[in-house]
Structures are given as C-alpha cells and as structure tokens.
C-alpha cells in the first residue's frame, strides 16, 4: 500500500497523524454530507483539530478533497496472479470497487467539475491521482515481459508514451462505466474488457 501526504508548506512542522485524521474526516464527511455540504469547519471538528490547521495545509475544500480521494487510489495494488490477463482483471476490479465507494464517487465527480474552471486544481488532480497510479502500468508491463508475455522494451521513451496510453484507456473505460454510465464493472465486464485490451497490448512496442 502506498501513502502520501500533501506537500509541506513553510511554517510549523507537519504532523502525519493530523494529516491522516483530516483526510479520514474528509472522506467521512463526503459519505455523510456529500461534497456540496462539506465544510472545512465540519472536517476540523471531526478530525479534532483547529480550522486554522486545515488552512495551513490546504488552500480550500477542493484541494483537501483531492488529497482525501487520492489516498483511496493509493490502496491499489498489483498482486502477481500468474498472467498478464489475470493481473489486469485484478487491478481493474480493485479500481472499480474504489470508484463505487460514495466518498470516491462524490469527491471525484465534484473536483473534476470544479477543475474545468481551475487549471491549478486540474494539475493537482493529475499529480495526486493520475501520475501516482501510472506505476501500476509500468509494474504490470515489466512483470509481463519477465514472463515472456510481452516483447522486450527497446525504446524507453516509446515505452513511457505507451504506458501513458494504456493508463488512459483503462482509467477512461472504468471511470466511464462506473461513474457516467452508472453500470457495474463486474467480473464479466472486466473479463471482456481485458480481452479487448490484450489484443492491443500484444501489438504495442
């Protein structure tokens, strides 16, 4: 499991325990209140910290929610299930399960909508959620090459571009399925999606 706290700002030393309590309280508030009714004051009360403590760490509600939701995606793991297909199915099912959680669903949808008017917020989502999870594609492809399921990597730059594309395809499909189509990404859907993905993966550099 991976964890990360928001970047430290100048001033008092950071408290990992306080950060963890604040992010957990934010997720709790998202479940109970939803994004629109969530306030920093309510989060501070739930976390047992002063409201000023939140403002020393986050500039506003959107940034706080991004970091709280990003921690959920840090739970994603890529256990070795014996084959590239099984590995993909395993991580996609995990991803879909996280997206189905009310705190992830309401938080992510809200900050994505807000980011259409806020370039800094869009960059924070990309850094905290997207870039941090591209590791899964890199790990999965390296493991598949070791098994002989994918050809050797000959051009690192091209491999990096391919990894970005694979992540976009997987994340885009699962987010669309679970959040926009509001259909379950169940084992049957994930199995069929993986078969289609593998047809392309085996042809990519």
N, C-alpha and C. Protein backbone atom coordinates (compact mmCIF):
# COMPACT_ATOMS: atom_id res chain seq x y z
N UNK A 1 0.84 -1.19 0.00
CA UNK A 1 0.00 0.00 0.00
C UNK A 1 0.88 1.24 0.00
N UNK A 2 0.47 2.25 -0.73
CA UNK A 2 1.26 3.46 -0.83
C UNK A 2 0.51 4.57 -0.11
N UNK A 3 1.21 5.48 0.49
CA UNK A 3 0.57 6.61 1.14
C UNK A 3 1.35 7.86 0.82
N UNK A 4 0.67 8.99 0.89
CA UNK A 4 1.32 10.25 0.58
C UNK A 4 0.54 11.34 1.26
N UNK A 5 1.22 12.30 1.85
CA UNK A 5 0.56 13.45 2.43
C UNK A 5 0.82 14.65 1.56
N UNK A 6 -0.02 15.67 1.63
CA UNK A 6 0.18 16.84 0.78
C UNK A 6 1.54 17.48 1.03
N UNK A 7 2.02 18.18 0.00
CA UNK A 7 3.33 18.81 0.11
C UNK A 7 3.37 19.80 1.26
N UNK A 8 4.45 19.78 2.03
CA UNK A 8 4.56 20.65 3.18
C UNK A 8 4.71 22.10 2.75
N UNK A 9 4.16 23.01 3.57
CA UNK A 9 4.32 24.43 3.33
C UNK A 9 5.26 24.99 4.39
N UNK A 10 5.85 26.17 4.15
CA UNK A 10 6.72 26.77 5.15
C UNK A 10 5.95 27.01 6.44
N UNK A 11 6.63 26.94 7.56
CA UNK A 11 5.97 27.22 8.83
C UNK A 11 6.19 26.09 9.81
N UNK A 12 5.15 25.78 10.56
CA UNK A 12 5.27 24.76 11.58
C UNK A 12 5.51 23.37 10.98
N UNK A 13 6.17 22.48 11.75
CA UNK A 13 6.38 21.12 11.25
C UNK A 13 5.06 20.42 10.98
N UNK A 14 5.06 19.57 9.96
CA UNK A 14 3.86 18.82 9.62
C UNK A 14 3.64 17.70 10.63
N UNK A 15 2.40 17.36 10.85
CA UNK A 15 2.05 16.23 11.70
C UNK A 15 1.38 15.18 10.83
N UNK A 16 2.05 14.02 10.66
CA UNK A 16 1.47 12.96 9.84
C UNK A 16 0.17 12.47 10.45
N UNK A 17 0.10 12.42 11.78
CA UNK A 17 -1.12 11.96 12.44
C UNK A 17 -2.28 12.92 12.18
N UNK A 18 -1.98 14.23 12.24
CA UNK A 18 -3.03 15.22 11.98
C UNK A 18 -3.50 15.14 10.54
N UNK A 19 -2.56 15.00 9.60
CA UNK A 19 -2.93 14.87 8.19
C UNK A 19 -3.83 13.66 7.97
N UNK A 20 -3.44 12.52 8.57
CA UNK A 20 -4.22 11.30 8.39
C UNK A 20 -5.63 11.48 8.95
N UNK A 21 -5.73 12.12 10.12
CA UNK A 21 -7.04 12.35 10.74
C UNK A 21 -7.90 13.27 9.89
N UNK A 22 -7.28 14.29 9.32
CA UNK A 22 -8.03 15.25 8.49
C UNK A 22 -8.54 14.59 7.22
N UNK A 23 -7.68 13.82 6.56
CA UNK A 23 -8.10 13.17 5.31
C UNK A 23 -9.18 12.12 5.58
N UNK A 24 -9.05 11.39 6.68
CA UNK A 24 -10.09 10.42 7.03
C UNK A 24 -11.40 11.12 7.36
N UNK A 25 -11.32 12.24 8.06
CA UNK A 25 -12.53 13.00 8.40
C UNK A 25 -13.19 13.57 7.13
N UNK A 26 -12.37 13.94 6.16
CA UNK A 26 -12.90 14.45 4.89
C UNK A 26 -13.69 13.36 4.17
N UNK A 27 -13.15 12.17 4.13
CA UNK A 27 -13.86 11.06 3.48
C UNK A 27 -15.15 10.72 4.23
N UNK A 28 -15.10 10.77 5.54
CA UNK A 28 -16.29 10.52 6.35
C UNK A 28 -17.37 11.56 6.04
N UNK A 29 -16.96 12.83 5.94
CA UNK A 29 -17.91 13.90 5.64
C UNK A 29 -18.48 13.75 4.23
N UNK A 30 -17.65 13.30 3.29
CA UNK A 30 -18.15 13.09 1.92
C UNK A 30 -19.25 12.04 1.90
N UNK A 31 -19.09 10.99 2.70
CA UNK A 31 -20.10 9.93 2.76
C UNK A 31 -21.39 10.46 3.38
N UNK A 32 -21.27 11.19 4.48
CA UNK A 32 -22.45 11.62 5.22
C UNK A 32 -23.13 12.86 4.64
N UNK A 33 -22.31 13.78 4.10
CA UNK A 33 -22.85 15.07 3.67
C UNK A 33 -22.81 15.29 2.16
N UNK A 34 -21.89 14.64 1.49
CA UNK A 34 -21.67 14.93 0.08
C UNK A 34 -20.77 16.15 -0.06
N UNK A 35 -20.28 16.36 -1.27
CA UNK A 35 -19.32 17.45 -1.49
C UNK A 35 -19.95 18.82 -1.23
N UNK A 36 -21.17 19.05 -1.68
CA UNK A 36 -21.76 20.39 -1.60
C UNK A 36 -21.93 20.88 -0.17
N UNK A 37 -22.19 19.99 0.76
CA UNK A 37 -22.43 20.39 2.16
C UNK A 37 -21.19 20.26 3.03
N UNK A 38 -20.14 19.71 2.50
CA UNK A 38 -18.91 19.56 3.27
C UNK A 38 -18.28 20.93 3.51
N UNK A 39 -17.86 21.19 4.73
CA UNK A 39 -17.17 22.43 5.06
C UNK A 39 -15.88 22.11 5.81
N UNK A 40 -14.92 23.02 5.73
CA UNK A 40 -13.67 22.81 6.44
C UNK A 40 -13.90 22.82 7.95
N UNK A 41 -14.87 23.59 8.40
CA UNK A 41 -15.18 23.60 9.82
C UNK A 41 -15.67 22.25 10.30
N UNK A 42 -16.52 21.61 9.52
CA UNK A 42 -17.02 20.29 9.89
C UNK A 42 -15.88 19.27 9.89
N UNK A 43 -15.03 19.34 8.88
CA UNK A 43 -13.89 18.41 8.82
C UNK A 43 -12.98 18.60 10.02
N UNK A 44 -12.70 19.86 10.39
CA UNK A 44 -11.84 20.14 11.54
C UNK A 44 -12.42 19.55 12.81
N UNK A 45 -13.73 19.71 13.00
CA UNK A 45 -14.38 19.16 14.19
C UNK A 45 -14.27 17.64 14.21
N UNK A 46 -14.52 17.00 13.08
CA UNK A 46 -14.44 15.54 13.01
C UNK A 46 -13.01 15.04 13.29
N UNK A 47 -12.03 15.81 12.79
CA UNK A 47 -10.64 15.40 12.94
C UNK A 47 -10.05 15.78 14.29
N UNK A 48 -10.75 16.65 15.02
CA UNK A 48 -10.25 17.08 16.31
C UNK A 48 -9.09 18.05 16.22
N UNK A 49 -9.13 18.89 15.18
CA UNK A 49 -8.07 19.89 15.01
C UNK A 49 -8.71 21.26 14.82
N UNK A 50 -7.90 22.31 14.96
CA UNK A 50 -8.40 23.66 14.73
C UNK A 50 -8.58 23.91 13.24
N UNK A 51 -9.55 24.74 12.90
CA UNK A 51 -9.78 25.04 11.49
C UNK A 51 -8.54 25.66 10.84
N UNK A 52 -7.80 26.44 11.62
CA UNK A 52 -6.59 27.06 11.08
C UNK A 52 -5.56 26.00 10.68
N UNK A 53 -5.61 24.84 11.33
CA UNK A 53 -4.70 23.76 10.98
C UNK A 53 -4.94 23.31 9.54
N UNK A 54 -6.21 23.25 9.14
CA UNK A 54 -6.52 22.86 7.77
C UNK A 54 -6.00 23.89 6.78
N UNK A 55 -6.19 25.18 7.10
CA UNK A 55 -5.77 26.21 6.17
C UNK A 55 -4.26 26.33 6.05
N UNK A 56 -3.53 25.86 7.07
CA UNK A 56 -2.08 25.85 6.94
C UNK A 56 -1.63 24.76 5.98
N UNK A 57 -2.50 23.77 5.77
CA UNK A 57 -2.14 22.63 4.94
C UNK A 57 -2.79 22.66 3.56
N UNK A 58 -4.04 23.12 3.48
CA UNK A 58 -4.77 23.14 2.21
C UNK A 58 -5.38 24.52 2.01
N UNK A 59 -5.36 24.98 0.77
CA UNK A 59 -5.87 26.32 0.48
C UNK A 59 -7.38 26.38 0.43
N UNK A 60 -8.05 25.23 0.29
CA UNK A 60 -9.51 25.24 0.25
C UNK A 60 -10.08 23.84 0.18
N UNK A 61 -11.39 23.76 0.06
CA UNK A 61 -12.08 22.48 0.09
C UNK A 61 -11.69 21.59 -1.09
N UNK A 62 -11.56 22.16 -2.26
CA UNK A 62 -11.27 21.33 -3.44
C UNK A 62 -9.95 20.58 -3.29
N UNK A 63 -8.92 21.30 -2.85
CA UNK A 63 -7.60 20.68 -2.70
C UNK A 63 -7.63 19.59 -1.61
N UNK A 64 -8.36 19.86 -0.55
CA UNK A 64 -8.49 18.88 0.53
C UNK A 64 -9.18 17.61 0.03
N UNK A 65 -10.24 17.77 -0.73
CA UNK A 65 -10.98 16.61 -1.24
C UNK A 65 -10.12 15.81 -2.22
N UNK A 66 -9.36 16.49 -3.06
CA UNK A 66 -8.47 15.78 -3.99
C UNK A 66 -7.52 14.88 -3.21
N UNK A 67 -6.89 15.41 -2.18
CA UNK A 67 -5.92 14.61 -1.43
C UNK A 67 -6.59 13.48 -0.66
N UNK A 68 -7.80 13.71 -0.17
CA UNK A 68 -8.53 12.66 0.56
C UNK A 68 -8.91 11.52 -0.38
N UNK A 69 -9.34 11.86 -1.59
CA UNK A 69 -9.71 10.83 -2.56
C UNK A 69 -8.46 10.13 -3.11
N UNK A 70 -7.38 10.90 -3.29
CA UNK A 70 -6.14 10.31 -3.83
C UNK A 70 -5.64 9.20 -2.92
N UNK A 71 -5.81 9.33 -1.63
CA UNK A 71 -5.37 8.28 -0.70
C UNK A 71 -6.11 6.97 -0.95
N UNK A 72 -7.36 7.05 -1.39
CA UNK A 72 -8.10 5.83 -1.70
C UNK A 72 -7.44 5.08 -2.85
N UNK A 73 -7.02 5.81 -3.88
CA UNK A 73 -6.41 5.17 -5.04
C UNK A 73 -5.01 4.64 -4.72
N UNK A 74 -4.39 5.18 -3.67
CA UNK A 74 -3.10 4.63 -3.25
C UNK A 74 -3.25 3.21 -2.69
N UNK A 75 -4.48 2.79 -2.42
CA UNK A 75 -4.72 1.42 -1.95
C UNK A 75 -4.58 0.39 -3.08
N UNK A 76 -4.58 0.86 -4.32
CA UNK A 76 -4.48 -0.06 -5.45
C UNK A 76 -3.16 -0.83 -5.43
N UNK A 77 -3.24 -2.11 -5.65
CA UNK A 77 -2.06 -2.97 -5.69
C UNK A 77 -2.13 -3.84 -6.94
N UNK A 78 -0.99 -4.38 -7.33
CA UNK A 78 -0.92 -5.25 -8.50
C UNK A 78 -0.32 -6.59 -8.09
N UNK A 79 -1.09 -7.41 -7.38
CA UNK A 79 -0.55 -8.71 -6.96
C UNK A 79 -0.30 -9.59 -8.18
N UNK A 80 0.69 -10.45 -8.05
CA UNK A 80 1.04 -11.36 -9.14
C UNK A 80 0.03 -12.50 -9.15
N UNK A 81 -0.84 -12.51 -10.18
CA UNK A 81 -1.87 -13.55 -10.28
C UNK A 81 -1.53 -14.59 -11.34
N UNK A 82 -0.30 -14.54 -11.85
CA UNK A 82 0.16 -15.61 -12.73
C UNK A 82 0.15 -15.31 -14.21
N UNK A 83 -0.60 -14.31 -14.64
CA UNK A 83 -0.64 -13.97 -16.07
C UNK A 83 -1.00 -12.50 -16.22
N UNK A 84 -0.67 -11.94 -17.38
CA UNK A 84 -1.00 -10.54 -17.64
C UNK A 84 -2.50 -10.32 -17.57
N UNK A 85 -3.27 -11.22 -18.16
CA UNK A 85 -4.73 -11.07 -18.15
C UNK A 85 -5.27 -11.06 -16.73
N UNK A 86 -4.81 -12.00 -15.90
CA UNK A 86 -5.30 -12.07 -14.53
C UNK A 86 -4.87 -10.85 -13.72
N UNK A 87 -3.65 -10.37 -13.97
CA UNK A 87 -3.17 -9.17 -13.27
C UNK A 87 -4.06 -7.97 -13.61
N UNK A 88 -4.36 -7.81 -14.91
CA UNK A 88 -5.20 -6.69 -15.34
C UNK A 88 -6.58 -6.80 -14.70
N UNK A 89 -7.18 -7.95 -14.76
CA UNK A 89 -8.51 -8.12 -14.19
C UNK A 89 -8.51 -7.79 -12.69
N UNK A 90 -7.47 -8.22 -12.00
CA UNK A 90 -7.41 -7.96 -10.57
C UNK A 90 -7.35 -6.49 -10.24
N UNK A 91 -6.50 -5.73 -10.93
CA UNK A 91 -6.36 -4.32 -10.60
C UNK A 91 -7.56 -3.52 -11.08
N UNK A 92 -8.16 -3.90 -12.21
CA UNK A 92 -9.34 -3.19 -12.69
C UNK A 92 -10.53 -3.39 -11.75
N UNK A 93 -10.67 -4.58 -11.22
CA UNK A 93 -11.74 -4.83 -10.24
C UNK A 93 -11.52 -4.00 -8.97
N UNK A 94 -10.27 -3.88 -8.54
CA UNK A 94 -9.97 -3.02 -7.39
C UNK A 94 -10.33 -1.57 -7.68
N UNK A 95 -9.92 -1.11 -8.86
CA UNK A 95 -10.17 0.28 -9.26
C UNK A 95 -11.68 0.56 -9.29
N UNK A 96 -12.43 -0.35 -9.88
CA UNK A 96 -13.88 -0.16 -9.96
C UNK A 96 -14.52 -0.15 -8.57
N UNK A 97 -14.01 -0.99 -7.66
CA UNK A 97 -14.55 -1.04 -6.31
C UNK A 97 -14.31 0.27 -5.57
N UNK A 98 -13.14 0.87 -5.78
CA UNK A 98 -12.86 2.16 -5.14
C UNK A 98 -13.77 3.25 -5.71
N UNK A 99 -13.93 3.26 -7.03
CA UNK A 99 -14.80 4.27 -7.65
C UNK A 99 -16.25 4.14 -7.19
N UNK A 100 -16.66 2.94 -6.81
CA UNK A 100 -18.04 2.72 -6.36
C UNK A 100 -18.27 3.23 -4.95
N UNK A 101 -17.21 3.51 -4.20
CA UNK A 101 -17.37 4.00 -2.84
C UNK A 101 -17.92 5.42 -2.87
N UNK A 102 -18.88 5.74 -2.02
CA UNK A 102 -19.53 7.06 -2.09
C UNK A 102 -18.57 8.22 -1.91
N UNK A 103 -17.55 8.07 -1.07
CA UNK A 103 -16.62 9.17 -0.86
C UNK A 103 -15.78 9.41 -2.11
N UNK A 104 -15.43 8.35 -2.83
CA UNK A 104 -14.67 8.50 -4.07
C UNK A 104 -15.56 9.07 -5.17
N UNK A 105 -16.76 8.53 -5.26
CA UNK A 105 -17.67 8.95 -6.33
C UNK A 105 -18.03 10.43 -6.20
N UNK A 106 -18.50 10.85 -5.03
CA UNK A 106 -18.93 12.24 -4.87
C UNK A 106 -17.75 13.19 -4.89
N UNK A 107 -16.65 12.80 -4.27
CA UNK A 107 -15.49 13.67 -4.24
C UNK A 107 -14.86 13.86 -5.60
N UNK A 108 -14.66 12.77 -6.33
CA UNK A 108 -14.00 12.84 -7.63
C UNK A 108 -14.85 13.59 -8.64
N UNK A 109 -16.13 13.29 -8.69
CA UNK A 109 -17.01 13.97 -9.64
C UNK A 109 -17.03 15.47 -9.38
N UNK A 110 -17.05 15.86 -8.10
CA UNK A 110 -17.12 17.27 -7.76
C UNK A 110 -15.85 18.02 -8.14
N UNK A 111 -14.70 17.46 -7.78
CA UNK A 111 -13.46 18.20 -8.06
C UNK A 111 -13.15 18.21 -9.55
N UNK A 112 -13.53 17.17 -10.28
CA UNK A 112 -13.34 17.20 -11.73
C UNK A 112 -14.19 18.31 -12.34
N UNK A 113 -15.43 18.45 -11.87
CA UNK A 113 -16.29 19.53 -12.37
C UNK A 113 -15.70 20.89 -12.03
N UNK A 114 -15.21 21.05 -10.81
CA UNK A 114 -14.61 22.32 -10.39
C UNK A 114 -13.34 22.62 -11.19
N UNK A 115 -12.62 21.59 -11.58
CA UNK A 115 -11.34 21.79 -12.27
C UNK A 115 -11.50 22.35 -13.68
N UNK A 116 -12.72 22.28 -14.21
CA UNK A 116 -12.93 22.85 -15.55
C UNK A 116 -12.73 24.36 -15.55
N UNK A 117 -12.80 24.96 -14.36
CA UNK A 117 -12.60 26.41 -14.24
C UNK A 117 -11.32 26.75 -13.48
N UNK A 118 -10.52 25.74 -13.17
CA UNK A 118 -9.37 25.96 -12.28
C UNK A 118 -8.19 25.10 -12.76
N UNK A 119 -7.26 25.73 -13.48
CA UNK A 119 -6.13 24.99 -14.02
C UNK A 119 -5.25 24.38 -12.93
N UNK A 120 -5.08 25.10 -11.82
CA UNK A 120 -4.24 24.60 -10.73
C UNK A 120 -4.87 23.36 -10.11
N UNK A 121 -6.19 23.36 -9.98
CA UNK A 121 -6.87 22.20 -9.43
C UNK A 121 -6.75 21.01 -10.38
N UNK A 122 -6.87 21.26 -11.68
CA UNK A 122 -6.72 20.18 -12.66
C UNK A 122 -5.32 19.58 -12.56
N UNK A 123 -4.32 20.43 -12.39
CA UNK A 123 -2.95 19.94 -12.26
C UNK A 123 -2.79 19.12 -10.98
N UNK A 124 -3.45 19.53 -9.92
CA UNK A 124 -3.36 18.79 -8.66
C UNK A 124 -4.00 17.40 -8.80
N UNK A 125 -5.13 17.32 -9.48
CA UNK A 125 -5.77 16.03 -9.72
C UNK A 125 -4.85 15.13 -10.53
N UNK A 126 -4.24 15.70 -11.57
CA UNK A 126 -3.34 14.92 -12.42
C UNK A 126 -2.15 14.40 -11.62
N UNK A 127 -1.57 15.26 -10.78
CA UNK A 127 -0.40 14.86 -10.00
C UNK A 127 -0.77 13.87 -8.89
N UNK A 128 -1.85 14.16 -8.18
CA UNK A 128 -2.17 13.36 -6.99
C UNK A 128 -2.86 12.04 -7.30
N UNK A 129 -3.63 12.00 -8.37
CA UNK A 129 -4.39 10.78 -8.69
C UNK A 129 -3.79 10.08 -9.91
N UNK A 130 -3.69 10.78 -11.01
CA UNK A 130 -3.29 10.14 -12.27
C UNK A 130 -1.82 9.71 -12.25
N UNK A 131 -0.91 10.66 -12.02
CA UNK A 131 0.52 10.35 -12.12
C UNK A 131 0.93 9.31 -11.08
N UNK A 132 0.34 9.37 -9.91
CA UNK A 132 0.72 8.42 -8.86
C UNK A 132 0.32 6.99 -9.17
N UNK A 133 -0.70 6.80 -10.01
CA UNK A 133 -1.16 5.45 -10.28
C UNK A 133 -0.62 4.86 -11.58
N UNK A 134 0.10 5.65 -12.36
CA UNK A 134 0.69 5.10 -13.58
C UNK A 134 1.73 4.04 -13.27
N UNK A 135 2.21 4.01 -12.02
CA UNK A 135 3.15 2.97 -11.59
C UNK A 135 2.59 1.58 -11.85
N UNK A 136 1.26 1.43 -11.77
CA UNK A 136 0.64 0.12 -11.94
C UNK A 136 0.87 -0.42 -13.35
N UNK A 137 0.79 0.46 -14.34
CA UNK A 137 1.01 0.04 -15.72
C UNK A 137 2.48 -0.37 -15.91
N UNK A 138 3.39 0.44 -15.38
CA UNK A 138 4.81 0.13 -15.50
C UNK A 138 5.14 -1.20 -14.85
N UNK A 139 4.63 -1.42 -13.64
CA UNK A 139 4.87 -2.68 -12.93
C UNK A 139 4.29 -3.87 -13.69
N UNK A 140 3.07 -3.70 -14.19
CA UNK A 140 2.40 -4.79 -14.89
C UNK A 140 3.09 -5.18 -16.17
N UNK A 141 3.55 -4.19 -16.94
CA UNK A 141 4.23 -4.49 -18.19
C UNK A 141 5.59 -5.14 -17.94
N UNK A 142 6.30 -4.66 -16.92
CA UNK A 142 7.61 -5.25 -16.61
C UNK A 142 7.44 -6.71 -16.21
N UNK A 143 6.44 -6.99 -15.41
CA UNK A 143 6.20 -8.37 -14.99
C UNK A 143 5.84 -9.25 -16.18
N UNK A 144 5.01 -8.71 -17.08
CA UNK A 144 4.60 -9.48 -18.26
C UNK A 144 5.79 -9.76 -19.17
N UNK A 145 6.72 -8.79 -19.28
CA UNK A 145 7.92 -9.03 -20.10
C UNK A 145 8.78 -10.12 -19.48
N UNK A 146 8.88 -10.13 -18.15
CA UNK A 146 9.66 -11.17 -17.48
C UNK A 146 9.06 -12.56 -17.73
N UNK A 147 7.74 -12.63 -17.85
CA UNK A 147 7.07 -13.91 -18.12
C UNK A 147 7.16 -14.29 -19.59
N UNK A 148 7.56 -13.35 -20.46
CA UNK A 148 7.59 -13.60 -21.88
C UNK A 148 6.26 -13.35 -22.56
N UNK A 149 5.35 -12.66 -21.86
CA UNK A 149 4.03 -12.38 -22.44
C UNK A 149 4.05 -11.14 -23.33
N UNK A 150 5.02 -10.26 -23.14
CA UNK A 150 5.17 -9.07 -23.96
C UNK A 150 6.59 -9.02 -24.49
N UNK A 151 6.79 -8.39 -25.65
CA UNK A 151 8.15 -8.30 -26.21
C UNK A 151 9.04 -7.41 -25.36
N UNK A 152 10.36 -7.56 -25.48
CA UNK A 152 11.29 -6.73 -24.70
C UNK A 152 11.12 -5.25 -25.02
N UNK A 153 11.46 -4.42 -24.06
CA UNK A 153 11.40 -2.97 -24.24
C UNK A 153 12.68 -2.53 -24.94
N UNK A 154 12.53 -1.84 -26.06
CA UNK A 154 13.71 -1.42 -26.82
C UNK A 154 13.89 0.10 -26.83
N UNK A 155 12.83 0.83 -26.61
CA UNK A 155 12.88 2.29 -26.64
C UNK A 155 12.17 2.82 -25.39
N UNK A 156 12.92 3.24 -24.36
CA UNK A 156 12.30 3.71 -23.11
C UNK A 156 11.31 4.86 -23.31
N UNK A 157 11.61 5.78 -24.21
CA UNK A 157 10.72 6.91 -24.43
C UNK A 157 9.39 6.44 -25.01
N UNK A 158 9.47 5.53 -25.98
CA UNK A 158 8.25 4.98 -26.57
C UNK A 158 7.48 4.16 -25.54
N UNK A 159 8.21 3.44 -24.70
CA UNK A 159 7.56 2.64 -23.66
C UNK A 159 6.80 3.54 -22.69
N UNK A 160 7.37 4.70 -22.36
CA UNK A 160 6.70 5.64 -21.45
C UNK A 160 5.44 6.19 -22.09
N UNK A 161 5.51 6.51 -23.37
CA UNK A 161 4.31 7.01 -24.07
C UNK A 161 3.24 5.93 -24.13
N UNK A 162 3.66 4.70 -24.35
CA UNK A 162 2.71 3.59 -24.40
C UNK A 162 2.05 3.37 -23.05
N UNK A 163 2.84 3.47 -21.98
CA UNK A 163 2.30 3.31 -20.63
C UNK A 163 1.24 4.38 -20.35
N UNK A 164 1.49 5.61 -20.78
CA UNK A 164 0.50 6.68 -20.60
C UNK A 164 -0.79 6.34 -21.33
N UNK A 165 -0.66 5.84 -22.56
CA UNK A 165 -1.84 5.50 -23.35
C UNK A 165 -2.62 4.36 -22.70
N UNK A 166 -1.92 3.34 -22.23
CA UNK A 166 -2.60 2.21 -21.58
C UNK A 166 -3.37 2.69 -20.35
N UNK A 167 -2.72 3.54 -19.55
CA UNK A 167 -3.39 4.06 -18.36
C UNK A 167 -4.65 4.84 -18.75
N UNK A 168 -4.53 5.69 -19.78
CA UNK A 168 -5.69 6.47 -20.22
C UNK A 168 -6.84 5.56 -20.66
N UNK A 169 -6.51 4.51 -21.39
CA UNK A 169 -7.54 3.59 -21.87
C UNK A 169 -8.23 2.89 -20.71
N UNK A 170 -7.44 2.36 -19.78
CA UNK A 170 -8.02 1.62 -18.65
C UNK A 170 -8.82 2.55 -17.75
N UNK A 171 -8.19 3.64 -17.31
CA UNK A 171 -8.87 4.55 -16.40
C UNK A 171 -10.11 5.16 -17.05
N UNK A 172 -9.97 5.55 -18.31
CA UNK A 172 -11.11 6.15 -19.00
C UNK A 172 -12.29 5.20 -19.10
N UNK A 173 -12.02 3.95 -19.44
CA UNK A 173 -13.09 2.97 -19.59
C UNK A 173 -13.78 2.70 -18.26
N UNK A 174 -12.99 2.54 -17.20
CA UNK A 174 -13.59 2.20 -15.90
C UNK A 174 -14.35 3.38 -15.32
N UNK A 175 -13.78 4.57 -15.43
CA UNK A 175 -14.48 5.76 -14.93
C UNK A 175 -15.78 5.96 -15.70
N UNK A 176 -15.75 5.82 -17.02
CA UNK A 176 -16.97 5.99 -17.81
C UNK A 176 -18.01 4.95 -17.41
N UNK A 177 -17.58 3.71 -17.27
CA UNK A 177 -18.50 2.63 -16.93
C UNK A 177 -19.16 2.86 -15.57
N UNK A 178 -18.37 3.17 -14.56
CA UNK A 178 -18.89 3.24 -13.20
C UNK A 178 -19.54 4.58 -12.85
N UNK A 179 -18.97 5.69 -13.35
CA UNK A 179 -19.48 7.00 -12.94
C UNK A 179 -20.46 7.62 -13.93
N UNK A 180 -20.22 7.43 -15.21
CA UNK A 180 -21.06 8.09 -16.20
C UNK A 180 -22.17 7.18 -16.73
N UNK A 181 -21.83 5.95 -17.04
CA UNK A 181 -22.87 5.01 -17.47
C UNK A 181 -23.64 4.44 -16.29
N UNK A 182 -23.04 4.54 -15.10
CA UNK A 182 -23.67 4.02 -13.87
C UNK A 182 -24.01 2.54 -14.00
N UNK A 183 -23.11 1.81 -14.64
CA UNK A 183 -23.26 0.37 -14.78
C UNK A 183 -22.14 -0.30 -13.99
N UNK A 184 -22.38 -1.50 -13.50
CA UNK A 184 -21.34 -2.15 -12.70
C UNK A 184 -20.18 -2.65 -13.55
N UNK A 185 -18.97 -2.42 -13.06
CA UNK A 185 -17.80 -3.02 -13.69
C UNK A 185 -17.56 -4.34 -12.97
N UNK A 186 -18.44 -5.29 -13.26
CA UNK A 186 -18.38 -6.58 -12.56
C UNK A 186 -17.38 -7.50 -13.25
N UNK A 187 -17.29 -8.74 -12.75
CA UNK A 187 -16.28 -9.65 -13.28
C UNK A 187 -16.46 -9.95 -14.76
N UNK A 188 -17.72 -10.04 -15.21
CA UNK A 188 -17.96 -10.31 -16.63
C UNK A 188 -17.49 -9.16 -17.49
N UNK A 189 -17.85 -7.93 -17.10
CA UNK A 189 -17.43 -6.75 -17.86
C UNK A 189 -15.91 -6.63 -17.87
N UNK A 190 -15.29 -6.81 -16.70
CA UNK A 190 -13.84 -6.69 -16.59
C UNK A 190 -13.14 -7.76 -17.43
N UNK A 191 -13.67 -8.97 -17.44
CA UNK A 191 -13.09 -10.04 -18.25
C UNK A 191 -13.13 -9.69 -19.73
N UNK A 192 -14.28 -9.22 -20.19
CA UNK A 192 -14.42 -8.86 -21.61
C UNK A 192 -13.56 -7.66 -21.97
N UNK A 193 -13.51 -6.68 -21.08
CA UNK A 193 -12.67 -5.51 -21.31
C UNK A 193 -11.20 -5.92 -21.42
N UNK A 194 -10.76 -6.81 -20.55
CA UNK A 194 -9.38 -7.27 -20.55
C UNK A 194 -9.03 -7.98 -21.85
N UNK A 195 -9.94 -8.78 -22.38
CA UNK A 195 -9.68 -9.46 -23.65
C UNK A 195 -9.45 -8.45 -24.76
N UNK A 196 -10.26 -7.41 -24.79
CA UNK A 196 -10.09 -6.37 -25.83
C UNK A 196 -8.78 -5.64 -25.63
N UNK A 197 -8.46 -5.31 -24.38
CA UNK A 197 -7.22 -4.59 -24.10
C UNK A 197 -6.00 -5.42 -24.50
N UNK A 198 -6.03 -6.72 -24.24
CA UNK A 198 -4.89 -7.56 -24.54
C UNK A 198 -4.63 -7.68 -26.04
N UNK A 199 -5.67 -7.58 -26.84
CA UNK A 199 -5.48 -7.62 -28.29
C UNK A 199 -4.57 -6.47 -28.75
N UNK A 200 -4.73 -5.32 -28.09
CA UNK A 200 -3.88 -4.18 -28.41
C UNK A 200 -2.54 -4.24 -27.73
N UNK A 201 -2.51 -4.67 -26.47
CA UNK A 201 -1.26 -4.68 -25.71
C UNK A 201 -0.19 -5.55 -26.37
N UNK A 202 -0.59 -6.66 -26.91
CA UNK A 202 0.40 -7.58 -27.50
C UNK A 202 0.98 -7.04 -28.80
N UNK A 203 0.36 -6.00 -29.35
CA UNK A 203 0.87 -5.40 -30.58
C UNK A 203 1.66 -4.12 -30.34
N UNK A 204 1.61 -3.61 -29.09
CA UNK A 204 2.27 -2.35 -28.80
C UNK A 204 3.77 -2.56 -28.55
N UNK A 205 4.60 -1.52 -28.80
CA UNK A 205 6.04 -1.64 -28.55
C UNK A 205 6.33 -1.70 -27.06
